[in-house]
C-alpha atoms as a PDB file:
ATOM      1  CA  MET A   1     155.194 128.139 147.233  1.00  0.00           C
ATOM      2  CA  LYS A   2     154.233 124.533 145.523  1.00  0.00           C
ATOM      3  CA  ILE A   3     151.247 122.590 146.256  1.00  0.00           C
ATOM      4  CA  ILE A   4     152.627 119.137 145.398  1.00  0.00           C
ATOM      5  CA  ASN A   5     155.959 117.737 145.593  1.00  0.00           C
ATOM      6  CA  GLN A   6     157.765 118.591 142.783  1.00  0.00           C
ATOM      7  CA  ASN A   7     159.128 114.882 142.070  1.00  0.00           C
ATOM      8  CA  VAL A   8     155.155 114.381 140.960  1.00  0.00           C
ATOM      9  CA  SER A   9     154.828 113.615 137.858  1.00  0.00           C
ATOM     10  CA  LEU A  10     150.781 114.098 136.388  1.00  0.00           C
ATOM     11  CA  LYS A  11     151.536 112.949 132.861  1.00  0.00           C
ATOM     12  CA  THR A  12     148.683 112.819 130.855  1.00  0.00           C
ATOM     13  CA  LEU A  13     146.155 113.130 134.112  1.00  0.00           C
ATOM     14  CA  LEU A  14     145.983 117.124 132.937  1.00  0.00           C
ATOM     15  CA  ALA A  15     145.016 116.242 129.300  1.00  0.00           C
ATOM     16  CA  VAL A  16     141.854 117.471 130.272  1.00  0.00           C
ATOM     17  CA  CYS A  17     138.856 115.509 129.168  1.00  0.00           C
ATOM     18  CA  ILE A  18     136.235 117.852 128.467  1.00  0.00           C
ATOM     19  CA  LEU A  19     133.005 117.216 126.983  1.00  0.00           C
ATOM     20  CA  SER A  20     131.446 120.488 126.717  1.00  0.00           C
ATOM     21  CA  ILE A  21     134.229 122.405 125.433  1.00  0.00           C
ATOM     22  CA  PRO A  22     137.441 121.930 123.883  1.00  0.00           C
ATOM     23  CA  GLN A  23     140.919 120.507 125.992  1.00  0.00           C
ATOM     24  CA  VAL A  24     142.966 121.573 128.258  1.00  0.00           C
ATOM     25  CA  ALA A  25     146.702 121.170 127.558  1.00  0.00           C
ATOM     26  CA  ILE A  26     149.513 120.946 129.589  1.00  0.00           C
ATOM     27  CA  ALA A  27     153.137 120.108 129.776  1.00  0.00           C
ATOM     28  CA  GLN A  28     155.904 118.872 131.969  1.00  0.00           C
ATOM     29  CA  GLU A  29     158.159 121.447 133.208  1.00  0.00           C
ATOM     30  CA  GLU A  30     161.166 120.618 135.281  1.00  0.00           C
ATOM     31  CA  GLY A  31     161.775 121.624 138.836  1.00  0.00           C
ATOM     32  CA  GLY A  32     158.060 122.618 139.522  1.00  0.00           C
ATOM     33  CA  LEU A  33     154.660 122.060 138.698  1.00  0.00           C
ATOM     34  CA  THR A  34     153.287 124.597 135.761  1.00  0.00           C
ATOM     35  CA  LEU A  35     150.196 124.169 133.834  1.00  0.00           C
ATOM     36  CA  VAL A  36     150.343 125.592 130.664  1.00  0.00           C
ATOM     37  CA  GLY A  37     148.810 124.853 127.277  1.00  0.00           C
ATOM     38  CA  GLU A  38     148.047 121.881 124.949  1.00  0.00           C
ATOM     39  CA  ASP A  39     150.821 119.700 123.794  1.00  0.00           C
ATOM     40  CA  ASP A  40     151.025 116.287 121.617  1.00  0.00           C
ATOM     41  CA  ASN A  41     151.928 114.507 124.537  1.00  0.00           C
ATOM     42  CA  GLY A  42     149.530 115.894 127.265  1.00  0.00           C
ATOM     43  CA  ALA A  43     152.314 116.026 129.783  1.00  0.00           C
ATOM     44  CA  VAL A  44     151.262 118.163 133.071  1.00  0.00           C
ATOM     45  CA  VAL A  45     152.803 120.024 135.944  1.00  0.00           C
ATOM     46  CA  ILE A  46     151.545 121.913 138.312  1.00  0.00           C
ATOM     47  CA  ASP A  47     152.330 125.493 140.228  1.00  0.00           C
ATOM     48  CA  THR A  48     150.715 127.737 142.423  1.00  0.00           C
ATOM     49  CA  GLY A  49     151.800 130.645 140.606  1.00  0.00           C
ATOM     50  CA  ALA A  50     150.865 129.263 136.988  1.00  0.00           C
ATOM     51  CA  ALA A  51     148.062 129.802 135.122  1.00  0.00           C
ATOM     52  CA  ILE A  52     145.410 127.352 133.363  1.00  0.00           C
ATOM     53  CA  GLN A  53     145.203 128.158 129.701  1.00  0.00           C
ATOM     54  CA  PRO A  54     141.227 128.715 128.658  1.00  0.00           C
ATOM     55  CA  PRO A  55     140.324 126.107 125.928  1.00  0.00           C
ATOM     56  CA  PRO A  56     137.751 127.388 122.956  1.00  0.00           C
ATOM     57  CA  ALA A  57     134.187 126.008 123.973  1.00  0.00           C
ATOM     58  CA  ASP A  58     132.180 123.527 121.848  1.00  0.00           C
ATOM     59  CA  GLU A  59     132.960 120.383 121.806  1.00  0.00           C
ATOM     60  CA  LEU A  60     132.507 120.622 124.093  1.00  0.00           C
ATOM     61  CA  VAL A  61     131.913 119.141 124.521  1.00  0.00           C
ATOM     62  CA  ASN A  62     132.808 116.664 123.959  1.00  0.00           C
ATOM     63  CA  THR A  63     135.341 117.070 125.299  1.00  0.00           C
ATOM     64  CA  SER A  64     137.700 118.380 121.940  1.00  0.00           C
ATOM     65  CA  ILE A  65     135.956 120.677 119.672  1.00  0.00           C
ATOM     66  CA  ALA A  66     133.944 118.556 117.150  1.00  0.00           C
ATOM     67  CA  ALA A  67     133.678 119.267 114.032  1.00  0.00           C
ATOM     68  CA  PRO A  68     130.470 120.778 112.439  1.00  0.00           C
ATOM     69  CA  VAL A  69     127.536 117.881 111.960  1.00  0.00           C
ATOM     70  CA  ASP A  70     125.805 118.041 108.241  1.00  0.00           C
ATOM     71  CA  THR A  71     122.550 119.677 108.969  1.00  0.00           C
ATOM     72  CA  GLU A  72     120.787 117.832 105.812  1.00  0.00           C
ATOM     73  CA  GLU A  73     118.383 115.431 107.468  1.00  0.00           C
ATOM     74  CA  GLU A  74     118.760 111.608 107.123  1.00  0.00           C
ATOM     75  CA  ASP A  75     117.069 109.117 105.429  1.00  0.00           C
ATOM     76  CA  VAL A  76     115.803 106.478 108.026  1.00  0.00           C
ATOM     77  CA  PHE A  77     116.610 102.898 107.142  1.00  0.00           C
ATOM     78  CA  PHE A  78     114.857  99.863 109.263  1.00  0.00           C
ATOM     79  CA  ASP A  79     113.765  96.531 109.239  1.00  0.00           C
ATOM     80  CA  ALA A  80     109.929  96.909 108.605  1.00  0.00           C
ATOM     81  CA  GLU A  81     109.586  92.850 107.258  1.00  0.00           C
ATOM     82  CA  ALA A  82     107.384  92.388 110.403  1.00  0.00           C
ATOM     83  CA  LEU A  83     105.214  95.142 109.518  1.00  0.00           C
ATOM     84  CA  VAL A  84     104.324  94.136 105.914  1.00  0.00           C
ATOM     85  CA  PRO A  85     100.990  93.082 105.080  1.00  0.00           C
ATOM     86  CA  LYS A  86     100.732  89.559 104.227  1.00  0.00           C
ATOM     87  CA  GLY A  87      97.216  89.667 102.075  1.00  0.00           C
ATOM     88  CA  GLU A  88      96.479  89.348  98.449  1.00  0.00           C
ATOM     89  CA  ILE A  89      96.466  92.735  97.725  1.00  0.00           C
ATOM     90  CA  ALA A  90      99.910  93.419  99.206  1.00  0.00           C
ATOM     91  CA  ARG A  91     101.104  90.638  96.893  1.00  0.00           C
ATOM     92  CA  LYS A  92      99.768  92.406  94.129  1.00  0.00           C
ATOM     93  CA  GLY A  93     100.408  95.875  94.610  1.00  0.00           C
ATOM     94  CA  ALA A  94     103.521  97.288  92.450  1.00  0.00           C
ATOM     95  CA  ALA A  95     106.779  98.573  94.511  1.00  0.00           C
ATOM     96  CA  ARG A  96     105.836 102.216  94.689  1.00  0.00           C
ATOM     97  CA  LYS A  97     108.413 105.353  96.231  1.00  0.00           C
ATOM     98  CA  VAL A  98     107.403 105.944  99.743  1.00  0.00           C
ATOM     99  CA  ASP A  99     108.705 108.112 102.534  1.00  0.00           C
ATOM    100  CA  PRO A 100     109.648 105.126 105.186  1.00  0.00           C
ATOM    101  CA  LYS A 101     109.185 107.916 108.086  1.00  0.00           C
ATOM    102  CA  VAL A 102     105.196 108.373 107.109  1.00  0.00           C
ATOM    103  CA  SER A 103     104.654 104.608 105.735  1.00  0.00           C
ATOM    104  CA  PRO A 104     106.593 101.948 107.572  1.00  0.00           C
ATOM    105  CA  ALA A 105     104.791  98.944 106.568  1.00  0.00           C
ATOM    106  CA  THR A 106     106.364  98.602 103.473  1.00  0.00           C
ATOM    107  CA  ARG A 107     108.643  95.779 101.258  1.00  0.00           C
ATOM    108  CA  LEU A 108     110.342  97.854  99.050  1.00  0.00           C
ATOM    109  CA  VAL A 109     111.723 101.780 100.239  1.00  0.00           C
ATOM    110  CA  VAL A 110     113.295 103.680  97.642  1.00  0.00           C
ATOM    111  CA  VAL A 111     116.305 105.729  99.063  1.00  0.00           C
ATOM    112  CA  ARG A 112     118.736 107.829  97.961  1.00  0.00           C
ATOM    113  CA  LYS A 113     122.288 107.935  97.201  1.00  0.00           C
ATOM    114  CA  ASN A 114     123.470 111.546  96.796  1.00  0.00           C
ATOM    115  CA  SER A 115     126.721 110.978  97.949  1.00  0.00           C
ATOM    116  CA  GLU A 116     129.773 110.449  96.071  1.00  0.00           C
ATOM    117  CA  ALA A 117     133.330 109.523  97.080  1.00  0.00           C
ATOM    118  CA  GLY A 118     134.892 113.129  96.551  1.00  0.00           C
ATOM    119  CA  GLY A 119     131.551 114.761  96.939  1.00  0.00           C
ATOM    120  CA  LYS A 120     130.883 117.777  99.961  1.00  0.00           C
ATOM    121  CA  PRO A 121     129.579 115.696 102.467  1.00  0.00           C
ATOM    122  CA  ALA A 122     132.251 112.967 102.606  1.00  0.00           C
ATOM    123  CA  GLN A 123     134.806 115.844 102.407  1.00  0.00           C
ATOM    124  CA  LEU A 124     133.072 117.233 105.258  1.00  0.00           C
ATOM    125  CA  VAL A 125     133.397 113.816 106.804  1.00  0.00           C
ATOM    126  CA  ALA A 126     136.820 113.537 106.381  1.00  0.00           C
ATOM    127  CA  ALA A 127     137.820 116.531 107.397  1.00  0.00           C
ATOM    128  CA  GLU A 128     135.604 116.125 110.772  1.00  0.00           C
ATOM    129  CA  ARG A 129     138.109 112.533 111.124  1.00  0.00           C
ATOM    130  CA  ALA A 130     141.099 114.547 110.928  1.00  0.00           C
ATOM    131  CA  VAL A 131     140.326 116.980 113.434  1.00  0.00           C
ATOM    132  CA  LYS A 132     139.237 114.130 115.699  1.00  0.00           C
ATOM    133  CA  LEU A 133     142.441 112.400 115.025  1.00  0.00           C
ATOM    134  CA  GLY A 134     144.658 115.278 115.871  1.00  0.00           C
ATOM    135  CA  ARG A 135     145.424 116.066 111.942  1.00  0.00           C
ATOM    136  CA  PHE A 136     144.728 119.400 112.217  1.00  0.00           C
ATOM    137  CA  ASP A 137     147.282 120.789 109.107  1.00  0.00           C
ATOM    138  CA  SER A 138     145.118 118.000 106.853  1.00  0.00           C
ATOM    139  CA  ALA A 139     141.567 118.718 108.162  1.00  0.00           C
ATOM    140  CA  LEU A 140     142.949 122.870 107.255  1.00  0.00           C
ATOM    141  CA  GLU A 141     143.768 121.529 103.573  1.00  0.00           C
ATOM    142  CA  ILE A 142     140.497 119.960 103.114  1.00  0.00           C
ATOM    143  CA  TYR A 143     138.298 122.816 104.728  1.00  0.00           C
ATOM    144  CA  ASP A 144     140.218 125.480 102.535  1.00  0.00           C
ATOM    145  CA  ARG A 145     139.327 123.501  99.231  1.00  0.00           C
ATOM    146  CA  LEU A 146     135.473 123.325 100.683  1.00  0.00           C
ATOM    147  CA  TYR A 147     135.422 126.620 101.690  1.00  0.00           C
ATOM    148  CA  ALA A 148     137.298 128.259  97.923  1.00  0.00           C
ATOM    149  CA  THR A 149     133.447 126.912  96.380  1.00  0.00           C
ATOM    150  CA  ASN A 150     131.388 127.145  99.254  1.00  0.00           C
ATOM    151  CA  LYS A 151     131.874 130.112 101.385  1.00  0.00           C
ATOM    152  CA  ARG A 152     128.387 130.508 103.170  1.00  0.00           C
ATOM    153  CA  ASP A 153     128.212 127.285 104.262  1.00  0.00           C
ATOM    154  CA  PRO A 154     127.987 126.781 108.042  1.00  0.00           C
ATOM    155  CA  ASN A 155     129.120 123.636 108.889  1.00  0.00           C
ATOM    156  CA  ILE A 156     132.327 124.357 106.394  1.00  0.00           C
ATOM    157  CA  LEU A 157     133.144 127.454 108.036  1.00  0.00           C
ATOM    158  CA  MET A 158     132.286 126.508 111.810  1.00  0.00           C
ATOM    159  CA  GLY A 159     135.438 123.427 111.157  1.00  0.00           C
ATOM    160  CA  ARG A 160     137.546 125.642 109.507  1.00  0.00           C
ATOM    161  CA  ALA A 161     137.539 128.271 112.051  1.00  0.00           C
ATOM    162  CA  ILE A 162     137.872 125.062 114.943  1.00  0.00           C
ATOM    163  CA  THR A 163     140.614 123.539 112.769  1.00  0.00           C
ATOM    164  CA  LEU A 164     142.617 127.337 112.686  1.00  0.00           C
ATOM    165  CA  GLN A 165     142.285 127.504 116.195  1.00  0.00           C
ATOM    166  CA  LYS A 166     143.139 123.935 117.162  1.00  0.00           C
ATOM    167  CA  LEU A 167     146.344 125.261 114.943  1.00  0.00           C
ATOM    168  CA  GLY A 168     147.246 128.333 117.057  1.00  0.00           C
ATOM    169  CA  LEU A 169     146.338 130.385 114.621  1.00  0.00           C
ATOM    170  CA  ALA A 170     144.424 132.822 116.961  1.00  0.00           C
ATOM    171  CA  ASP A 171     143.582 135.859 114.055  1.00  0.00           C
ATOM    172  CA  GLU A 172     142.670 133.770 111.153  1.00  0.00           C
ATOM    173  CA  ALA A 173     140.221 131.941 113.490  1.00  0.00           C
ATOM    174  CA  ILE A 174     138.768 135.021 115.083  1.00  0.00           C
ATOM    175  CA  THR A 175     138.104 136.193 111.187  1.00  0.00           C
ATOM    176  CA  ALA A 176     136.569 132.800 110.509  1.00  0.00           C
ATOM    177  CA  TYR A 177     134.328 132.959 113.461  1.00  0.00           C
ATOM    178  CA  GLU A 178     133.502 136.511 112.131  1.00  0.00           C
ATOM    179  CA  GLU A 179     132.738 135.520 108.637  1.00  0.00           C
ATOM    180  CA  LEU A 180     130.381 132.379 110.146  1.00  0.00           C
ATOM    181  CA  LEU A 181     128.631 135.007 112.641  1.00  0.00           C
ATOM    182  CA  LYS A 182     127.542 137.523 109.769  1.00  0.00           C
ATOM    183  CA  ILE A 183     125.304 134.609 108.119  1.00  0.00           C
ATOM    184  CA  ARG A 184     124.728 132.510 111.868  1.00  0.00           C
ATOM    185  CA  PRO A 185     124.559 135.503 114.419  1.00  0.00           C
ATOM    186  CA  LYS A 186     122.815 133.421 117.147  1.00  0.00           C
ATOM    187  CA  ASN A 187     125.329 130.755 116.362  1.00  0.00           C
ATOM    188  CA  ILE A 188     126.260 130.327 120.549  1.00  0.00           C
ATOM    189  CA  ASP A 189     129.544 128.232 120.073  1.00  0.00           C
ATOM    190  CA  ALA A 190     131.125 130.142 117.553  1.00  0.00           C
ATOM    191  CA  GLN A 191     130.675 133.391 120.256  1.00  0.00           C
ATOM    192  CA  ILE A 192     132.223 131.217 122.707  1.00  0.00           C
ATOM    193  CA  ASN A 193     134.899 130.231 120.725  1.00  0.00           C
ATOM    194  CA  MET A 194     135.781 133.170 119.941  1.00  0.00           C
ATOM    195  CA  ILE A 195     135.835 134.407 123.433  1.00  0.00           C
ATOM    196  CA  GLY A 196     137.741 131.865 124.555  1.00  0.00           C
ATOM    197  CA  ILE A 197     140.350 133.130 121.510  1.00  0.00           C
ATOM    198  CA  MET A 198     140.153 136.396 123.311  1.00  0.00           C
ATOM    199  CA  ALA A 199     140.864 135.147 127.131  1.00  0.00           C
ATOM    200  CA  GLU A 200     144.214 134.418 126.476  1.00  0.00           C
ATOM    201  CA  ARG A 201     145.031 138.283 125.993  1.00  0.00           C
ATOM    202  CA  TYR A 202     142.161 140.058 127.813  1.00  0.00           C
ATOM    203  CA  PRO A 203     140.603 137.400 130.377  1.00  0.00           C
ATOM    204  CA  ALA A 204     138.129 139.930 132.310  1.00  0.00           C
ATOM    205  CA  VAL A 205     136.991 141.416 128.793  1.00  0.00           C
ATOM    206  CA  ALA A 206     136.347 137.749 128.421  1.00  0.00           C
ATOM    207  CA  LEU A 207     134.544 136.806 131.550  1.00  0.00           C
ATOM    208  CA  ARG A 208     132.545 140.319 130.833  1.00  0.00           C
ATOM    209  CA  ARG A 209     131.415 138.925 127.357  1.00  0.00           C
ATOM    210  CA  LEU A 210     130.525 135.300 128.967  1.00  0.00           C
ATOM    211  CA  ASP A 211     128.280 137.098 131.317  1.00  0.00           C
ATOM    212  CA  ASP A 212     126.882 138.787 129.100  1.00  0.00           C
ATOM    213  CA  LEU A 213     126.241 135.689 127.147  1.00  0.00           C
ATOM    214  CA  SER A 214     125.207 133.802 130.010  1.00  0.00           C
ATOM    215  CA  LYS A 215     122.252 135.986 130.551  1.00  0.00           C
ATOM    216  CA  ASN A 216     120.432 134.851 127.563  1.00  0.00           C
ATOM    217  CA  ASN A 217     121.700 131.374 128.013  1.00  0.00           C
ATOM    218  CA  PRO A 218     121.448 130.719 131.615  1.00  0.00           C
ATOM    219  CA  ARG A 219     121.976 127.315 131.367  1.00  0.00           C
ATOM    220  CA  ASN A 220     124.426 126.782 128.408  1.00  0.00           C
ATOM    221  CA  VAL A 221     127.060 124.277 130.116  1.00  0.00           C
ATOM    222  CA  GLY A 222     129.486 125.174 126.841  1.00  0.00           C
ATOM    223  CA  VAL A 223     129.121 129.036 128.708  1.00  0.00           C
ATOM    224  CA  MET A 224     130.012 128.123 132.108  1.00  0.00           C
ATOM    225  CA  ALA A 225     133.015 125.659 131.449  1.00  0.00           C
ATOM    226  CA  GLN A 226     134.355 128.364 129.503  1.00  0.00           C
ATOM    227  CA  ALA A 227     133.910 131.232 132.303  1.00  0.00           C
ATOM    228  CA  ALA A 228     135.560 128.916 134.414  1.00  0.00           C
ATOM    229  CA  PHE A 229     138.281 127.818 132.847  1.00  0.00           C
ATOM    230  CA  ILE A 230     139.077 131.761 132.631  1.00  0.00           C
ATOM    231  CA  HIS A 231     139.145 131.932 136.348  1.00  0.00           C
ATOM    232  CA  ALA A 232     141.266 129.052 136.822  1.00  0.00           C
ATOM    233  CA  LYS A 233     143.151 131.024 134.541  1.00  0.00           C
ATOM    234  CA  ILE A 234     143.140 133.973 136.840  1.00  0.00           C
ATOM    235  CA  GLN A 235     143.671 131.634 139.970  1.00  0.00           C
ATOM    236  CA  ASN A 236     140.378 132.545 140.712  1.00  0.00           C
ATOM    237  CA  PHE A 237     139.511 129.003 141.908  1.00  0.00           C
ATOM    238  CA  PRO A 238     136.617 128.806 144.125  1.00  0.00           C
ATOM    239  CA  ASP A 239     134.532 130.146 141.053  1.00  0.00           C
ATOM    240  CA  ALA A 240     135.973 127.815 138.761  1.00  0.00           C
ATOM    241  CA  ILE A 241     134.690 124.985 140.859  1.00  0.00           C
ATOM    242  CA  ARG A 242     131.352 126.583 141.011  1.00  0.00           C
ATOM    243  CA  LEU A 243     131.326 127.166 137.626  1.00  0.00           C
ATOM    244  CA  LEU A 244     131.929 123.666 136.534  1.00  0.00           C
ATOM    245  CA  GLY A 245     129.711 121.886 139.503  1.00  0.00           C
ATOM    246  CA  MET A 246     126.653 124.040 137.884  1.00  0.00           C
ATOM    247  CA  ALA A 247     127.752 122.364 134.653  1.00  0.00           C
ATOM    248  CA  ALA A 248     128.122 118.850 136.163  1.00  0.00           C
ATOM    249  CA  SER A 249     124.451 119.526 137.728  1.00  0.00           C
ATOM    250  CA  LEU A 250     123.394 119.981 134.023  1.00  0.00           C
ATOM    251  CA  GLU A 251     125.123 117.249 132.876  1.00  0.00           C
ATOM    252  CA  PRO A 252     125.551 114.414 135.314  1.00  0.00           C
ATOM    253  CA  ARG A 253     127.106 111.994 133.020  1.00  0.00           C
ATOM    254  CA  ASN A 254     129.473 113.826 131.821  1.00  0.00           C
ATOM    255  CA  ALA A 255     132.686 112.798 133.754  1.00  0.00           C
ATOM    256  CA  GLY A 256     134.647 115.532 132.070  1.00  0.00           C
ATOM    257  CA  HIS A 257     133.361 118.239 134.392  1.00  0.00           C
ATOM    258  CA  LEU A 258     133.770 116.173 137.512  1.00  0.00           C
ATOM    259  CA  TYR A 259     137.596 115.700 135.918  1.00  0.00           C
ATOM    260  CA  ASN A 260     138.015 119.306 135.570  1.00  0.00           C
ATOM    261  CA  MET A 261     136.855 120.230 139.087  1.00  0.00           C
ATOM    262  CA  ALA A 262     139.251 117.811 140.300  1.00  0.00           C
ATOM    263  CA  ILE A 263     142.104 119.065 138.600  1.00  0.00           C
ATOM    264  CA  ILE A 264     141.554 122.729 139.607  1.00  0.00           C
ATOM    265  CA  ALA A 265     141.075 121.557 143.450  1.00  0.00           C
ATOM    266  CA  ASP A 266     144.567 119.816 142.673  1.00  0.00           C
ATOM    267  CA  GLN A 267     146.207 122.528 141.797  1.00  0.00           C
ATOM    268  CA  ALA A 268     144.613 124.917 144.540  1.00  0.00           C
ATOM    269  CA  GLY A 269     146.210 123.055 147.114  1.00  0.00           C
ATOM    270  CA  SER A 270     142.886 121.254 148.088  1.00  0.00           C
ATOM    271  CA  SER A 271     143.938 117.315 148.408  1.00  0.00           C
ATOM    272  CA  ASP A 272     140.926 115.973 150.287  1.00  0.00           C
ATOM    273  CA  GLU A 273     138.221 117.814 147.515  1.00  0.00           C
ATOM    274  CA  ALA A 274     140.620 116.662 144.894  1.00  0.00           C
ATOM    275  CA  ILE A 275     140.548 112.922 145.944  1.00  0.00           C
ATOM    276  CA  LYS A 276     136.504 113.485 146.349  1.00  0.00           C
ATOM    277  CA  TYR A 277     136.236 114.821 142.625  1.00  0.00           C
ATOM    278  CA  TYR A 278     138.270 112.062 141.025  1.00  0.00           C
ATOM    279  CA  GLU A 279     136.840 109.200 142.461  1.00  0.00           C
ATOM    280  CA  LYS A 280     133.185 110.710 141.464  1.00  0.00           C
ATOM    281  CA  ALA A 281     134.674 111.176 137.846  1.00  0.00           C
ATOM    282  CA  LEU A 282     135.799 107.593 137.950  1.00  0.00           C
ATOM    283  CA  GLU A 283     132.498 106.642 139.143  1.00  0.00           C
ATOM    284  CA  THR A 284     130.465 108.299 136.181  1.00  0.00           C
ATOM    285  CA  ASP A 285     132.631 107.096 133.854  1.00  0.00           C
ATOM    286  CA  ALA A 286     132.403 103.595 134.489  1.00  0.00           C
ATOM    287  CA  LEU A 287     128.642 104.526 134.585  1.00  0.00           C
ATOM    288  CA  TYR A 288     128.041 106.463 131.565  1.00  0.00           C
ATOM    289  CA  GLY A 289     131.481 106.908 130.043  1.00  0.00           C
ATOM    290  CA  SER A 290     132.248 103.317 129.112  1.00  0.00           C
ATOM    291  CA  SER A 291     135.859 103.239 131.207  1.00  0.00           C
ATOM    292  CA  LYS A 292     136.719 105.805 128.141  1.00  0.00           C
ATOM    293  CA  SER A 293     136.108 109.565 128.952  1.00  0.00           C
ATOM    294  CA  ILE A 294     138.924 110.131 131.573  1.00  0.00           C
ATOM    295  CA  PRO A 295     142.610 108.688 131.521  1.00  0.00           C
ATOM    296  CA  ARG A 296     141.571 106.246 134.214  1.00  0.00           C
ATOM    297  CA  ASP A 297     145.003 105.001 134.782  1.00  0.00           C
ATOM    298  CA  ALA A 298     146.663 108.534 135.250  1.00  0.00           C
ATOM    299  CA  VAL A 299     143.868 108.909 137.649  1.00  0.00           C
ATOM    300  CA  TYR A 300     144.355 106.042 139.831  1.00  0.00           C
ATOM    301  CA  GLU A 301     148.169 106.918 139.716  1.00  0.00           C
ATOM    302  CA  ARG A 302     147.493 110.017 141.046  1.00  0.00           C
ATOM    303  CA  LEU A 303     144.843 109.789 143.629  1.00  0.00           C
ATOM    304  CA  ALA A 304     147.725 106.653 144.960  1.00  0.00           C
ATOM    305  CA  GLN A 305     150.124 109.605 145.472  1.00  0.00           C
ATOM    306  CA  LEU A 306     147.528 112.248 147.088  1.00  0.00           C
ATOM    307  CA  ARG A 307     146.237 109.783 149.644  1.00  0.00           C
END
């Protein structure tokens, strides 16, 4: 039984803008509406018999999986001219190396230049940008090159695992996550991502793993969101919306949670609920997302069809 007019095209409406976990992907299928996986166009149709492909957890949040951030402490730069002493002692004092965090009122600050164009930090930034742009082959090439000489760097291991997952190389991604977890056993993002891959074949097992994970991380939004999409995959829509509602309460400025709730309510045939969540998502996006965190035009089009 179809829950929406089969002539309705959702297009990019269901290219889900998940900020705490990776995007749910979808593609249009003629004759019915079916939520499937991720494609380049983000086109989507929905069918009551369709299953939502669970996305990997992250990035979360951000709504696509974000490449890992370099954990090295950054230098601090700011204009301290207003704080600089103007007396004679200050004028006669010689330049000295200082820590701007400890001694902000200094005219001269000596900084370090520790990142060459072809150095590891620069390559990590390039790989992260490639992932954000969807150029996963290029990103993997960079991560593989870094991995060859940095097999225990958590940032490289995580970025490489994420990229393999985005390329659909599930077995290789699991191996990469396991390698990371050997040196960072408490990395919850890696655990969530692995469970997301597992859910594609064994959703019930994945839910049990997430339940165990949530006992030690009861307020982790990534765990909630991943569990929500697995419940949606097995068409347990009430629990999916309940979990996303919990995530939205913890991240009230994240329009992506409300947007995903709208999509699941839409799939379940609850038009009134879907309209409510779409409208809330638009409002939250306008207030906190600079009107860029969800596809607003597609949402307006869908609202016009539902009303």
